Amino acid sequence: MRHLRLIFFLTLSALFGTLTGHAQELEARVVVNHQKIQGTNTSVFEQLETSLTEFLNERQWTNMQFQRNEKIRCNFNITINKYDESAHSIEAMLAVQSTRPVYNSSYTTTVFAIQDPDFNFSYQEFDELNFRADVIDNNLTATIAFYVYLIIGLDMETMGLNGGTEHLETALSIANNSQGLNTKGWKAFEDSKNRYAIINDLLDGGMKPFREMFYGYHRLGLDIMAENAERGRAAISEALTLLGQAHTDKPMSMLPQIFTEYKRDELVNIYAGKGTPRDKEALYEMLMSIDASQRPSWAKIKQ
């Protein structure tokens, strides 16, 4: 909910100094890694990095007005795997991450992170980057815009229960309107972790507990810990029972595993040497059911 985010950041402004003026929603950093590409003019990749940085940071993505210190911090790291200079075609991997500050602390938490291995597109130096959600004809801007709305939506979800629905629905609309593109990442049943699968699962009624968990974990849990660590940890434990419920209700969804992948170290820090043995044992069993490959990390929770 918008008012919760405003209250949250107005408080931060009082603590760290108010920055005046309105700004776009994102504080995005773009890195284009082209080390794998040899014997070609690298200026095209440098221009791509510059153009995407401007596209992300200078565009108004929603009708909301953000103060400068409210901007959502995010990273878009692109690794170029193949480049056909004559066809202007690029095969790449995209790593996306967004964070937000935790109330009354200097700590920032990862809200979303993923690696997208199927980021393939055409780009010619000095191409103008345009985007319309209802007319999708460019996989570069469609993919970037998809993750923008996903990032904004999930950030809003941490501030209010189902607070990001409007922006998540825009991301779903982009996914649906990108079905005609002849590129991977958009097709239903193509991959359980692709763009379509992620946003479709998020808005599926069966994943309602996941979205409730997302709010409870961040707003009712993390944001309370500086004031009262035990109460915050108890709220996180309660929220994480919903993560287990989401996994049980929709076991084929990758959302619970994706969440535990980027929250792994944070979860260990919250519980290792702290909390009740009963809560820690239940959390360990639940996390093992989601991703047993992380057993060494989950075992630290029980210490």
Protein backbone atom coordinates (compact mmCIF):
# COMPACT_ATOMS: atom_id res chain seq x y z
CA MET A 1 0.00 0.00 0.00
CA ARG A 2 1.34 3.36 -1.04
CA HIS A 3 0.75 5.13 2.30
CA LEU A 4 2.78 2.49 4.16
CA ARG A 5 5.72 3.04 1.88
CA LEU A 6 5.43 6.81 2.35
CA ILE A 7 5.34 6.50 6.15
CA PHE A 8 8.30 4.12 6.02
CA PHE A 9 10.50 6.43 4.00
CA LEU A 10 9.42 9.63 5.72
CA THR A 11 10.72 8.06 8.91
CA LEU A 12 13.98 7.20 7.19
CA SER A 13 14.19 10.78 5.97
CA ALA A 14 13.94 12.06 9.52
CA LEU A 15 16.74 9.73 10.53
CA PHE A 16 19.13 10.24 7.63
CA GLY A 17 18.23 13.67 6.27
CA THR A 18 15.40 14.66 3.97
CA LEU A 19 16.00 14.78 0.24
CA THR A 20 13.49 16.98 -1.53
CA GLY A 21 12.04 16.73 -5.00
CA HIS A 22 10.28 13.97 -6.88
CA ALA A 23 11.98 11.33 -8.95
CA GLN A 24 11.39 8.19 -10.95
CA GLU A 25 10.85 4.88 -9.20
CA LEU A 26 14.23 3.22 -9.71
CA GLU A 27 17.84 3.69 -8.80
CA ALA A 28 19.12 1.10 -11.24
CA ARG A 29 22.68 0.08 -11.95
CA VAL A 30 23.39 -1.66 -15.26
CA VAL A 31 26.56 -3.62 -16.02
CA VAL A 32 27.19 -5.21 -19.41
CA ASN A 33 29.99 -7.79 -19.25
CA HIS A 34 31.37 -8.54 -22.73
CA GLN A 35 34.63 -10.27 -21.79
CA LYS A 36 33.62 -13.43 -23.67
CA ILE A 37 33.41 -11.50 -26.94
CA GLN A 38 36.77 -11.01 -28.63
CA GLY A 39 37.85 -9.21 -31.81
CA THR A 40 34.91 -6.85 -32.14
CA ASN A 41 34.12 -3.23 -31.49
CA THR A 42 33.12 -2.98 -27.81
CA SER A 43 31.43 0.40 -28.18
CA VAL A 44 28.11 -1.32 -28.93
CA PHE A 45 28.15 -2.89 -25.47
CA GLU A 46 29.15 0.35 -23.80
CA GLN A 47 26.29 2.11 -25.56
CA LEU A 48 23.90 -0.66 -24.55
CA GLU A 49 24.90 -0.16 -20.92
CA THR A 50 24.36 3.59 -21.18
CA SER A 51 21.04 3.29 -23.02
CA LEU A 52 19.63 0.77 -20.55
CA THR A 53 20.72 2.86 -17.59
CA GLU A 54 18.83 5.82 -19.02
CA PHE A 55 15.85 3.65 -19.99
CA LEU A 56 15.53 2.32 -16.45
CA ASN A 57 16.21 5.46 -14.47
CA GLU A 58 14.71 8.24 -16.55
CA ARG A 59 11.42 6.63 -17.51
CA GLN A 60 8.31 7.10 -15.34
CA TRP A 61 7.07 3.52 -14.94
CA THR A 62 4.00 4.15 -12.78
CA ASN A 63 1.74 7.04 -11.79
CA MET A 64 3.33 7.13 -8.34
CA GLN A 65 5.68 9.92 -7.26
CA PHE A 66 8.77 8.79 -5.38
CA GLN A 67 11.06 10.96 -3.30
CA ARG A 68 14.71 10.48 -4.21
CA ASN A 69 15.35 8.47 -1.05
CA GLU A 70 12.34 6.27 -1.84
CA LYS A 71 13.82 4.95 -5.07
CA ILE A 72 14.03 1.19 -5.39
CA ARG A 73 17.64 0.11 -5.69
CA CYS A 74 18.20 -2.60 -8.26
CA ASN A 75 20.91 -4.17 -10.40
CA PHE A 76 20.74 -5.48 -13.95
CA ASN A 77 23.89 -7.44 -14.82
CA ILE A 78 24.10 -8.67 -18.41
CA THR A 79 26.70 -11.21 -19.48
CA ILE A 80 27.13 -11.38 -23.26
CA ASN A 81 27.67 -14.98 -24.41
CA LYS A 82 27.44 -14.57 -28.20
CA TYR A 83 27.34 -11.64 -30.56
CA ASP A 84 26.65 -11.65 -34.29
CA GLU A 85 27.76 -8.22 -35.45
CA SER A 86 26.28 -8.52 -38.93
CA ALA A 87 22.86 -9.55 -37.64
CA HIS A 88 23.06 -7.33 -34.53
CA SER A 89 21.94 -10.32 -32.47
CA ILE A 90 23.01 -10.92 -28.89
CA GLU A 91 22.71 -13.99 -26.68
CA ALA A 92 23.11 -13.15 -23.02
CA MET A 93 22.33 -14.01 -19.42
CA LEU A 94 20.57 -11.47 -17.24
CA ALA A 95 20.94 -11.31 -13.46
CA VAL A 96 18.39 -9.11 -11.69
CA GLN A 97 18.40 -8.05 -8.04
CA SER A 98 16.41 -5.53 -6.02
CA THR A 99 16.79 -4.47 -2.39
CA ARG A 100 15.12 -2.27 0.16
CA PRO A 101 16.22 -0.79 3.49
CA VAL A 102 15.01 -2.36 6.72
CA TYR A 103 13.23 0.05 9.03
CA ASN A 104 15.30 1.83 11.67
CA SER A 105 18.56 0.14 10.67
CA SER A 106 21.44 0.38 8.22
CA TYR A 107 20.64 -3.09 6.88
CA THR A 108 19.27 -3.66 3.38
CA THR A 109 17.47 -6.84 2.44
CA THR A 110 17.21 -8.49 -0.96
CA VAL A 111 13.59 -8.37 -2.11
CA PHE A 112 14.11 -10.28 -5.36
CA ALA A 113 16.98 -11.90 -7.23
CA ILE A 114 17.13 -14.23 -10.20
CA GLN A 115 19.31 -15.30 -13.11
CA ASP A 116 17.59 -15.38 -16.48
CA PRO A 117 19.67 -17.48 -18.90
CA ASP A 118 17.52 -16.81 -21.97
CA PHE A 119 18.04 -13.12 -22.57
CA ASN A 120 18.45 -12.99 -26.34
CA PHE A 121 17.75 -9.86 -28.37
CA SER A 122 18.73 -7.63 -31.29
CA TYR A 123 20.53 -4.38 -30.67
CA GLN A 124 22.38 -1.95 -32.88
CA GLU A 125 24.49 0.86 -31.49
CA PHE A 126 22.41 3.99 -30.83
CA ASP A 127 19.10 2.15 -31.18
CA GLU A 128 16.39 4.10 -29.38
CA LEU A 129 14.82 2.06 -26.59
CA ASN A 130 11.04 2.35 -26.59
CA PHE A 131 8.39 0.38 -24.77
CA ARG A 132 4.63 -0.02 -24.77
CA ALA A 133 3.06 -2.76 -22.66
CA ASP A 134 0.24 -3.28 -25.17
CA VAL A 135 2.47 -3.52 -28.26
CA ILE A 136 5.44 -5.83 -27.74
CA ASP A 137 7.88 -6.16 -30.63
CA ASN A 138 11.27 -5.95 -28.92
CA ASN A 139 12.56 -8.61 -26.55
CA LEU A 140 15.21 -6.33 -25.06
CA THR A 141 12.81 -3.70 -23.74
CA ALA A 142 10.04 -6.24 -23.03
CA THR A 143 12.29 -8.31 -20.76
CA ILE A 144 13.71 -5.29 -18.95
CA ALA A 145 10.23 -3.78 -18.49
CA PHE A 146 8.89 -7.10 -17.23
CA TYR A 147 11.48 -7.19 -14.47
CA VAL A 148 10.90 -3.51 -13.67
CA TYR A 149 7.23 -4.11 -12.93
CA LEU A 150 8.04 -7.31 -11.07
CA ILE A 151 10.56 -5.40 -8.91
CA ILE A 152 8.16 -2.54 -8.23
CA GLY A 153 5.31 -4.93 -7.50
CA LEU A 154 7.31 -7.05 -5.07
CA ASP A 155 8.66 -3.96 -3.32
CA MET A 156 5.08 -2.81 -2.78
CA GLU A 157 4.20 -6.30 -1.54
CA THR A 158 6.72 -5.87 1.29
CA MET A 159 4.96 -2.68 2.40
CA GLY A 160 1.32 -3.71 2.28
CA LEU A 161 -0.60 -6.97 1.96
CA ASN A 162 -1.15 -7.51 -1.78
CA GLY A 163 0.15 -3.97 -2.25
CA GLY A 164 1.86 -4.73 -5.55
CA THR A 165 -1.06 -6.33 -7.41
CA GLU A 166 -1.42 -3.55 -10.00
CA HIS A 167 2.25 -3.71 -11.01
CA LEU A 168 2.40 -7.50 -10.95
CA GLU A 169 -0.61 -7.54 -13.28
CA THR A 170 1.28 -5.23 -15.63
CA ALA A 171 4.17 -7.70 -15.62
CA LEU A 172 1.71 -10.50 -16.46
CA SER A 173 0.30 -8.40 -19.29
CA ILE A 174 3.82 -7.98 -20.69
CA ALA A 175 4.36 -11.73 -20.48
CA ASN A 176 1.08 -12.41 -22.26
CA ASN A 177 1.77 -9.81 -24.95
CA SER A 178 5.26 -11.20 -25.53
CA GLN A 179 3.97 -14.62 -26.62
CA GLY A 180 4.49 -13.66 -30.27
CA LEU A 181 8.19 -13.01 -29.85
CA ASN A 182 10.35 -15.79 -31.21
CA THR A 183 12.49 -15.96 -28.08
CA LYS A 184 12.72 -18.13 -25.00
CA GLY A 185 11.43 -17.07 -21.61
CA TRP A 186 7.81 -16.24 -22.30
CA LYS A 187 6.07 -19.53 -23.07
CA ALA A 188 3.85 -21.39 -20.64
CA PHE A 189 5.24 -24.82 -19.70
CA GLU A 190 8.52 -24.04 -21.48
CA ASP A 191 10.39 -23.75 -18.17
CA SER A 192 9.17 -23.81 -14.57
CA LYS A 193 11.46 -20.86 -13.76
CA ASN A 194 11.00 -18.62 -16.79
CA ARG A 195 9.36 -15.19 -16.80
CA TYR A 196 5.88 -16.44 -17.56
CA ALA A 197 6.03 -19.12 -14.87
CA ILE A 198 7.20 -16.67 -12.20
CA ILE A 199 4.53 -14.04 -12.77
CA ASN A 200 1.77 -16.55 -13.44
CA ASP A 201 2.53 -18.29 -10.15
CA LEU A 202 2.68 -15.03 -8.21
CA LEU A 203 -0.83 -14.11 -9.31
CA ASP A 204 -2.24 -17.62 -9.02
CA GLY A 205 -4.75 -18.06 -6.21
CA GLY A 206 -2.89 -21.14 -5.06
CA MET A 207 0.10 -18.96 -4.17
CA LYS A 208 -1.88 -16.60 -1.94
CA PRO A 209 0.06 -17.85 1.12
CA PHE A 210 3.34 -16.90 -0.59
CA ARG A 211 2.26 -13.28 -0.99
CA GLU A 212 0.99 -13.17 2.58
CA MET A 213 4.36 -14.55 3.68
CA PHE A 214 6.17 -11.89 1.66
CA TYR A 215 4.40 -9.10 3.54
CA GLY A 216 4.66 -10.74 6.95
CA TYR A 217 8.34 -11.58 6.56
CA HIS A 218 9.38 -8.03 5.59
CA ARG A 219 6.93 -5.56 7.14
CA LEU A 220 5.89 -7.43 10.28
CA GLY A 221 9.20 -9.25 10.80
CA LEU A 222 12.37 -7.62 9.49
CA ASP A 223 11.09 -4.08 10.02
CA ILE A 224 10.44 -4.86 13.70
CA MET A 225 13.77 -6.49 14.52
CA ALA A 226 15.72 -3.32 15.31
CA GLU A 227 13.08 -2.40 17.87
CA ASN A 228 12.48 -5.89 19.24
CA ALA A 229 14.53 -8.76 17.80
CA GLU A 230 12.54 -11.53 19.45
CA ARG A 231 9.19 -10.16 18.35
CA GLY A 232 10.48 -9.63 14.81
CA ARG A 233 11.92 -13.14 14.66
CA ALA A 234 8.64 -14.60 15.93
CA ALA A 235 6.76 -12.77 13.16
CA ILE A 236 9.23 -14.09 10.58
CA SER A 237 8.73 -17.63 11.91
CA GLU A 238 4.99 -17.23 11.58
CA ALA A 239 5.34 -15.85 8.07
CA LEU A 240 7.58 -18.71 7.00
CA THR A 241 4.88 -21.24 7.88
CA LEU A 242 3.03 -19.68 4.94
CA LEU A 243 6.04 -20.36 2.73
CA GLY A 244 5.73 -24.03 3.62
CA GLN A 245 1.99 -23.91 2.95
CA ALA A 246 2.59 -22.36 -0.48
CA HIS A 247 5.07 -25.12 -1.31
CA THR A 248 2.58 -27.77 -0.21
CA ASP A 249 -0.35 -26.19 -2.07
CA LYS A 250 1.58 -25.75 -5.32
CA PRO A 251 4.64 -28.03 -5.21
CA MET A 252 5.58 -27.44 -8.86
CA SER A 253 6.03 -23.69 -8.35
CA MET A 254 9.64 -22.52 -8.15
CA LEU A 255 8.79 -19.37 -6.18
CA PRO A 256 9.50 -20.84 -2.72
CA GLN A 257 12.87 -22.18 -3.89
CA ILE A 258 13.80 -18.89 -5.58
CA PHE A 259 12.93 -17.06 -2.36
CA THR A 260 15.08 -19.35 -0.22
CA GLU A 261 17.99 -19.07 -2.67
CA TYR A 262 18.36 -15.33 -2.25
CA LYS A 263 17.29 -15.27 1.40
CA ARG A 264 19.54 -18.17 2.45
CA ASP A 265 22.26 -16.20 4.23
CA GLU A 266 19.73 -13.83 5.77
CA LEU A 267 17.75 -16.73 7.20
CA VAL A 268 20.90 -18.24 8.71
CA ASN A 269 21.79 -14.89 10.32
CA ILE A 270 18.29 -14.49 11.75
CA TYR A 271 18.19 -17.93 13.38
CA ALA A 272 21.73 -19.26 13.97
CA GLY A 273 22.29 -19.17 17.73
CA LYS A 274 18.92 -17.48 18.25
CA GLY A 275 15.29 -18.46 18.50
CA THR A 276 13.64 -21.49 20.05
CA PRO A 277 14.78 -25.05 19.20
CA ARG A 278 11.23 -25.95 18.26
CA ASP A 279 10.90 -23.09 15.74
CA LYS A 280 14.34 -23.79 14.32
CA GLU A 281 13.68 -27.51 13.86
CA ALA A 282 10.36 -26.81 12.11
CA LEU A 283 12.03 -24.23 9.87
CA TYR A 284 14.85 -26.64 9.03
CA GLU A 285 12.42 -29.37 7.98
CA MET A 286 10.38 -26.96 5.89
CA LEU A 287 13.43 -25.51 4.11
CA MET A 288 14.75 -29.00 3.42
CA SER A 289 11.45 -29.89 1.77
CA ILE A 290 11.84 -26.87 -0.52
CA ASP A 291 15.53 -27.20 -1.38
CA ALA A 292 17.51 -30.04 0.15
CA SER A 293 20.61 -29.04 -1.84
CA GLN A 294 21.15 -26.24 0.69
CA ARG A 295 21.38 -28.66 3.63
CA PRO A 296 24.72 -27.24 4.96
CA SER A 297 23.17 -23.79 5.24
CA TRP A 298 19.90 -25.00 6.72
CA ALA A 299 21.85 -27.04 9.30
CA LYS A 300 23.41 -23.80 10.59
CA ILE A 301 19.93 -22.60 11.50
CA LYS A 302 19.67 -25.35 14.12
CA GLN A 303 22.90 -24.32 15.86
